[in-house]
Amino acid sequence: MLLGFNFNDTLPRALAHEVPSAVPVFIGFTAQPRPGSARFEALPIKDYATYVEVFGPPPEWNTTGRAADVSLSRGVRSYFDNGGATCFVLSVGLYSEINALSVTQLVNRLSGHDVFAAIHRQTDISLVAIPDISLFADNEIAPLLTLWQQTMNECMHSARLFALLDPPPTFEAAQVCFDWLNSGHRNGASCAGAWWPWLVVAEQGHSGQPEARVIPPSATVAAQLQAADRSAGLDQVALDGAALVNVVQAMFPNELGEQLTDPRGASINLIRTFAYGDARIAGCRTLAGVDESPVGRFVQTRRLASYVQYSQDGSRQVG
């Protein structure tokens, strides 16, 4: 929940420990099992080569069924391409398992209590992204929104977590999410943000030639948030990041995205493509609507409030 703070003019006490402000965990399916343990475990990953060594590559080009849409590996690569530092990766299963899972099982794999129990064991984690929402088909919006709500609930009850959520790839499906957000109060909406459209990225295909792939933007957004914290500071309201690296363009033109924003209600943030394929994040609203305070409606102010509270060991008294 969004916290209120009492201010006074006494000297603040020293922090008991340093709290990283933008360390993401990426949740999804992998080619290889997590090493050394049968339980869910979020493992630190320093670069994309380490990810491939530990968890394996993206799915093969000829993979069929739902498993063909795995985006975790490509999201992690885009995160490091865009300057991301050490992150965590939480594997919830193998590519070989995906096609046998029902949509309900898929939701629980990606956002169940055991997933967040593993996240809470790693106290450096402050951002949560689930690139494998790409596994939901266009007609599976209801279970995807269940995943959104479960993730927002978990972050709402944490003093440090903020969720980076991905709408579906098509405009029509993203519009359903937008309408859902604005149809009533959503618990934990100030603890999450969403960005759209998806990103067209280039990678080396099985033939050795460059191929275009489409990925959800949450992992790339995590790198931009981290860069903003390092340079401008967590207290900056706006994200004015550099052009996204190895992104050919956003999947849809800017005009469509305008319909997913509402200055009077909940909004989905836009990724815009400018001249020469220059793609940039153009928005930093949380998913909160008009019933939320100004602090809770913006990503950086909401994250700053969480950072201060967690740094003060849960105290609401900030000197």
Protein backbone atom coordinates (compact mmCIF):
# COMPACT_ATOMS: atom_id res chain seq x y z
CA MET A 1 0.00 0.00 0.00
CA LEU A 2 1.09 3.63 -0.42
CA LEU A 3 2.45 4.93 2.85
CA GLY A 4 2.12 8.31 4.49
CA PHE A 5 5.22 9.89 6.03
CA ASN A 6 5.70 12.20 8.99
CA PHE A 7 8.51 14.73 8.57
CA ASN A 8 10.51 16.35 11.37
CA ASP A 9 13.64 18.47 11.66
CA THR A 10 15.68 16.09 13.81
CA LEU A 11 18.77 14.38 12.44
CA PRO A 12 17.90 11.11 10.69
CA ARG A 13 19.42 7.94 12.04
CA ALA A 14 21.98 6.16 9.88
CA LEU A 15 20.72 3.43 7.59
CA ALA A 16 21.30 -0.07 8.87
CA HIS A 17 22.19 -1.26 5.38
CA GLU A 18 22.36 -0.06 1.81
CA VAL A 19 19.25 -0.74 -0.26
CA PRO A 20 19.73 -1.08 -4.05
CA SER A 21 17.01 0.91 -5.74
CA ALA A 22 16.55 -0.86 -9.10
CA VAL A 23 17.58 -4.51 -9.07
CA PRO A 24 15.16 -6.56 -11.20
CA VAL A 25 14.15 -10.19 -11.11
CA PHE A 26 12.99 -11.74 -14.38
CA ILE A 27 10.53 -14.62 -14.07
CA GLY A 28 9.90 -17.25 -16.73
CA PHE A 29 10.76 -20.56 -18.35
CA THR A 30 14.26 -21.69 -19.32
CA ALA A 31 15.98 -24.33 -21.44
CA GLN A 32 17.93 -25.80 -18.51
CA PRO A 33 16.85 -26.41 -14.90
CA ARG A 34 18.03 -24.07 -12.17
CA PRO A 35 21.24 -25.57 -10.78
CA GLY A 36 21.70 -26.94 -7.29
CA SER A 37 18.16 -26.86 -5.96
CA ALA A 38 14.73 -28.33 -6.62
CA ARG A 39 12.89 -25.32 -5.18
CA PHE A 40 12.30 -22.01 -6.86
CA GLU A 41 15.36 -19.83 -6.45
CA ALA A 42 16.21 -16.39 -7.84
CA LEU A 43 19.83 -16.54 -9.04
CA PRO A 44 22.10 -13.52 -9.65
CA ILE A 45 23.15 -13.09 -13.29
CA LYS A 46 25.93 -10.65 -14.24
CA ASP A 47 25.61 -10.68 -18.06
CA TYR A 48 23.84 -12.45 -20.91
CA ALA A 49 26.66 -14.96 -21.43
CA THR A 50 26.23 -16.05 -17.81
CA TYR A 51 22.49 -16.39 -18.33
CA VAL A 52 23.01 -18.72 -21.31
CA GLU A 53 25.60 -20.72 -19.38
CA VAL A 54 23.28 -21.18 -16.39
CA PHE A 55 19.83 -21.38 -18.00
CA GLY A 56 20.44 -22.10 -21.69
CA PRO A 57 19.51 -20.27 -24.92
CA PRO A 58 16.13 -19.12 -26.30
CA PRO A 59 13.83 -21.79 -27.79
CA GLU A 60 14.95 -23.33 -31.08
CA TRP A 61 13.58 -21.67 -34.20
CA ASN A 62 11.36 -24.67 -34.98
CA THR A 63 9.77 -24.95 -31.51
CA THR A 64 6.00 -25.42 -31.70
CA GLY A 65 3.03 -24.66 -29.47
CA ARG A 66 2.94 -22.21 -26.60
CA ALA A 67 6.63 -22.86 -25.86
CA ALA A 68 7.59 -21.05 -29.08
CA ASP A 69 6.55 -17.76 -27.45
CA VAL A 70 8.98 -17.81 -24.51
CA SER A 71 10.46 -14.30 -24.08
CA LEU A 72 12.53 -14.56 -20.89
CA SER A 73 15.88 -15.17 -22.60
CA ARG A 74 15.39 -12.41 -25.18
CA GLY A 75 14.18 -10.02 -22.48
CA VAL A 76 17.29 -10.66 -20.39
CA ARG A 77 19.45 -10.05 -23.45
CA SER A 78 17.70 -6.73 -24.14
CA TYR A 79 18.18 -5.76 -20.48
CA PHE A 80 21.95 -6.20 -20.74
CA ASP A 81 22.04 -4.64 -24.24
CA ASN A 82 20.57 -1.51 -22.66
CA GLY A 83 23.17 -1.25 -19.91
CA GLY A 84 21.57 -3.30 -17.16
CA ALA A 85 23.82 -4.40 -14.28
CA THR A 86 23.55 -7.65 -12.31
CA CYS A 87 19.96 -8.89 -12.11
CA PHE A 88 18.20 -11.98 -10.80
CA VAL A 89 16.52 -14.69 -12.86
CA LEU A 90 13.89 -17.03 -11.44
CA SER A 91 13.17 -20.10 -13.57
CA VAL A 92 9.69 -21.52 -12.97
CA GLY A 93 10.10 -24.48 -15.31
CA LEU A 94 11.50 -25.78 -18.59
CA TYR A 95 10.49 -25.15 -22.19
CA SER A 96 9.60 -28.84 -22.41
CA GLU A 97 6.90 -28.41 -19.72
CA ILE A 98 5.03 -25.43 -21.13
CA ASN A 99 2.77 -27.03 -23.71
CA ALA A 100 1.32 -29.42 -21.11
CA LEU A 101 0.31 -26.61 -18.70
CA SER A 102 -3.24 -25.30 -18.52
CA VAL A 103 -3.65 -21.54 -18.55
CA THR A 104 -4.47 -21.61 -14.80
CA GLN A 105 -1.30 -23.57 -14.10
CA LEU A 106 0.64 -21.10 -16.20
CA VAL A 107 -0.67 -18.17 -14.11
CA ASN A 108 0.29 -19.91 -10.87
CA ARG A 109 3.74 -20.86 -12.15
CA LEU A 110 4.52 -17.25 -13.04
CA SER A 111 2.96 -15.43 -10.07
CA GLY A 112 2.25 -17.95 -7.31
CA HIS A 113 3.17 -17.57 -3.64
CA ASP A 114 6.21 -19.86 -4.00
CA VAL A 115 7.57 -17.51 -6.69
CA PHE A 116 7.32 -14.51 -4.40
CA ALA A 117 8.66 -16.47 -1.44
CA ALA A 118 11.82 -16.98 -3.52
CA ILE A 119 11.90 -13.27 -4.40
CA HIS A 120 11.58 -12.24 -0.76
CA ARG A 121 14.61 -14.38 0.11
CA GLN A 122 16.74 -12.07 -2.08
CA THR A 123 16.53 -8.73 -0.31
CA ASP A 124 18.32 -6.80 -3.09
CA ILE A 125 15.44 -7.30 -5.52
CA SER A 126 13.22 -4.25 -5.98
CA LEU A 127 11.74 -4.64 -9.49
CA VAL A 128 9.64 -7.61 -10.70
CA ALA A 129 9.22 -8.38 -14.42
CA ILE A 130 7.57 -11.38 -16.08
CA PRO A 131 8.58 -11.37 -19.76
CA ASP A 132 6.87 -14.73 -20.31
CA ILE A 133 3.42 -13.14 -20.30
CA SER A 134 4.08 -13.65 -24.01
CA LEU A 135 2.87 -17.22 -23.42
CA PHE A 136 -0.75 -16.02 -23.13
CA ALA A 137 -2.75 -16.03 -26.36
CA ASP A 138 -4.79 -13.02 -27.49
CA ASN A 139 -7.99 -14.69 -26.26
CA GLU A 140 -6.52 -15.34 -22.80
CA ILE A 141 -6.80 -11.82 -21.42
CA ALA A 142 -8.75 -12.83 -18.29
CA PRO A 143 -6.03 -15.15 -16.95
CA LEU A 144 -3.37 -12.60 -17.88
CA LEU A 145 -5.22 -9.99 -15.79
CA THR A 146 -5.34 -12.53 -12.95
CA LEU A 147 -1.55 -12.69 -13.19
CA TRP A 148 -1.41 -8.87 -13.13
CA GLN A 149 -3.61 -8.73 -10.04
CA GLN A 150 -1.71 -11.46 -8.18
CA THR A 151 1.56 -9.67 -8.90
CA MET A 152 0.18 -6.29 -7.79
CA ASN A 153 -1.16 -7.88 -4.59
CA GLU A 154 2.25 -9.31 -3.73
CA CYS A 155 4.01 -6.00 -4.41
CA MET A 156 1.38 -4.09 -2.41
CA HIS A 157 2.29 -6.11 0.68
CA SER A 158 6.02 -5.53 0.24
CA ALA A 159 7.95 -2.47 1.36
CA ARG A 160 10.31 -2.64 -1.62
CA LEU A 161 8.84 -4.35 -4.72
CA PHE A 162 7.51 -2.61 -7.82
CA ALA A 163 6.11 -4.59 -10.76
CA LEU A 164 6.89 -3.89 -14.43
CA LEU A 165 3.92 -5.46 -16.23
CA ASP A 166 3.44 -6.14 -19.93
CA PRO A 167 0.11 -5.72 -21.72
CA PRO A 168 -0.61 -8.15 -24.58
CA PRO A 169 0.99 -7.39 -27.95
CA THR A 170 -2.11 -6.38 -29.95
CA PHE A 171 -3.83 -3.03 -29.50
CA GLU A 172 -7.25 -4.64 -29.03
CA ALA A 173 -6.01 -6.83 -26.17
CA ALA A 174 -4.07 -3.96 -24.57
CA GLN A 175 -7.29 -1.91 -24.75
CA VAL A 176 -9.07 -4.61 -22.70
CA CYS A 177 -6.39 -4.23 -20.00
CA PHE A 178 -6.76 -0.44 -20.09
CA ASP A 179 -10.55 -0.70 -19.71
CA TRP A 180 -10.15 -3.18 -16.84
CA LEU A 181 -7.87 -0.79 -14.99
CA ASN A 182 -10.38 2.03 -15.35
CA SER A 183 -13.50 0.01 -14.54
CA GLY A 184 -12.89 0.02 -10.78
CA HIS A 185 -10.32 0.23 -7.99
CA ARG A 186 -7.47 -2.27 -8.43
CA ASN A 187 -5.51 -3.24 -5.31
CA GLY A 188 -1.81 -2.57 -5.67
CA ALA A 189 -2.17 -0.47 -8.83
CA SER A 190 0.25 2.13 -7.45
CA CYS A 191 2.85 -0.65 -7.04
CA ALA A 192 3.03 -1.41 -10.76
CA GLY A 193 3.45 0.20 -14.16
CA ALA A 194 2.91 -1.12 -17.69
CA TRP A 195 4.48 -0.13 -21.03
CA TRP A 196 3.25 -0.67 -24.58
CA PRO A 197 3.73 -1.47 -27.45
CA TRP A 198 6.07 -4.43 -27.64
CA LEU A 199 9.52 -4.00 -29.16
CA VAL A 200 10.93 -5.27 -32.44
CA VAL A 201 14.51 -6.41 -31.78
CA ALA A 202 17.17 -7.89 -34.04
CA GLU A 203 18.96 -11.15 -33.33
CA GLN A 204 21.04 -13.64 -35.23
CA GLY A 205 18.76 -16.30 -36.65
CA HIS A 206 19.40 -20.00 -37.13
CA SER A 207 20.69 -19.26 -40.65
CA GLY A 208 23.26 -16.82 -39.30
CA GLN A 209 21.38 -13.86 -40.76
CA PRO A 210 19.71 -11.09 -38.70
CA GLU A 211 16.06 -11.78 -37.88
CA ALA A 212 13.40 -9.58 -36.30
CA ARG A 213 11.80 -10.78 -33.07
CA VAL A 214 9.05 -9.18 -31.02
CA ILE A 215 9.44 -9.06 -27.23
CA PRO A 216 7.47 -7.51 -24.35
CA PRO A 217 9.21 -4.36 -23.07
CA SER A 218 9.38 -4.92 -19.28
CA ALA A 219 13.00 -6.13 -19.17
CA THR A 220 14.16 -3.23 -21.34
CA VAL A 221 12.23 -0.79 -19.14
CA ALA A 222 14.03 -2.25 -16.09
CA ALA A 223 17.37 -1.27 -17.64
CA GLN A 224 16.08 2.27 -18.28
CA LEU A 225 14.85 2.63 -14.69
CA GLN A 226 18.20 1.45 -13.40
CA ALA A 227 20.05 3.92 -15.65
CA ALA A 228 17.79 6.75 -14.48
CA ASP A 229 18.47 5.90 -10.83
CA ARG A 230 22.23 5.87 -11.44
CA SER A 231 22.32 9.18 -13.32
CA ALA A 232 19.44 11.53 -12.46
CA GLY A 233 18.49 9.87 -9.17
CA LEU A 234 15.48 7.99 -7.84
CA ASP A 235 13.78 11.27 -6.89
CA GLN A 236 13.37 12.33 -10.54
CA VAL A 237 9.73 12.14 -11.61
CA ALA A 238 10.27 11.67 -15.34
CA LEU A 239 12.12 8.99 -17.26
CA ASP A 240 14.09 10.76 -19.96
CA GLY A 241 16.21 7.83 -21.04
CA ALA A 242 18.43 7.32 -24.04
CA ALA A 243 17.24 5.62 -27.20
CA LEU A 244 16.70 1.89 -26.67
CA VAL A 245 19.64 -0.21 -27.87
CA ASN A 246 19.16 -3.05 -30.40
CA VAL A 247 15.50 -2.07 -30.75
CA VAL A 248 14.48 -1.63 -34.37
CA GLN A 249 11.22 0.10 -33.49
CA ALA A 250 8.12 -0.16 -31.34
CA MET A 251 5.66 -2.69 -32.73
CA PHE A 252 2.87 -0.17 -33.43
CA PRO A 253 2.74 3.54 -34.34
CA ASN A 254 2.48 6.23 -31.69
CA GLU A 255 -1.11 7.15 -32.53
CA LEU A 256 -2.52 3.82 -31.32
CA GLY A 257 -0.79 4.13 -27.96
CA GLU A 258 -2.38 7.49 -27.27
CA GLN A 259 -5.69 5.68 -26.79
CA LEU A 260 -4.24 3.78 -23.81
CA THR A 261 -3.51 6.93 -21.80
CA ASP A 262 -5.91 8.99 -19.71
CA PRO A 263 -4.81 12.01 -17.62
CA ARG A 264 -7.94 11.54 -15.49
CA GLY A 265 -7.63 7.78 -14.94
CA ALA A 266 -5.25 4.84 -15.04
CA SER A 267 -2.83 4.81 -17.96
CA ILE A 268 -0.47 2.49 -19.79
CA ASN A 269 2.88 4.10 -20.58
CA LEU A 270 3.99 4.49 -24.18
CA ILE A 271 7.13 3.55 -26.05
CA ARG A 272 7.43 5.83 -29.08
CA THR A 273 9.38 5.42 -32.28
CA PHE A 274 10.93 8.63 -33.60
CA ALA A 275 12.91 9.32 -36.76
CA TYR A 276 15.39 6.68 -37.92
CA GLY A 277 13.84 4.02 -35.66
CA ASP A 278 14.79 5.82 -32.45
CA ALA A 279 12.58 4.13 -29.81
CA ARG A 280 12.21 5.78 -26.39
CA ILE A 281 10.08 5.39 -23.29
CA ALA A 282 7.53 8.20 -23.12
CA GLY A 283 5.73 7.84 -19.79
CA CYS A 284 6.22 6.88 -16.16
CA ARG A 285 2.73 6.53 -14.69
CA THR A 286 1.84 3.73 -12.33
CA LEU A 287 -1.41 1.85 -12.95
CA ALA A 288 -3.19 3.90 -10.28
CA GLY A 289 -6.26 5.91 -11.21
CA VAL A 290 -7.76 9.14 -9.93
CA ASP A 291 -8.44 7.67 -6.48
CA GLU A 292 -4.69 7.53 -5.77
CA SER A 293 -2.59 10.37 -4.36
CA PRO A 294 -0.15 12.18 -6.70
CA VAL A 295 2.73 10.29 -5.07
CA GLY A 296 1.18 6.97 -6.01
CA ARG A 297 0.43 7.91 -9.62
CA PHE A 298 4.04 8.19 -10.81
CA VAL A 299 6.61 5.42 -10.99
CA GLN A 300 9.56 7.31 -9.55
CA THR A 301 7.70 9.00 -6.68
CA ARG A 302 6.06 5.70 -5.76
CA ARG A 303 9.39 3.90 -5.86
CA LEU A 304 11.04 6.70 -3.83
CA ALA A 305 8.39 6.31 -1.11
CA SER A 306 9.04 2.55 -0.99
CA TYR A 307 12.81 3.09 -1.00
CA VAL A 308 12.66 5.51 1.93
CA GLN A 309 10.40 3.28 3.99
CA TYR A 310 12.47 0.16 3.37
CA SER A 311 15.71 2.04 4.05
CA GLN A 312 14.28 3.15 7.38
CA ASP A 313 13.52 -0.48 8.37
CA GLY A 314 9.79 0.04 8.05
CA SER A 315 9.56 3.29 10.01
CA ARG A 316 7.23 5.99 8.73
CA GLN A 317 9.26 8.66 10.53
CA VAL A 318 11.59 10.25 7.96
CA GLY A 319 13.95 12.97 9.16
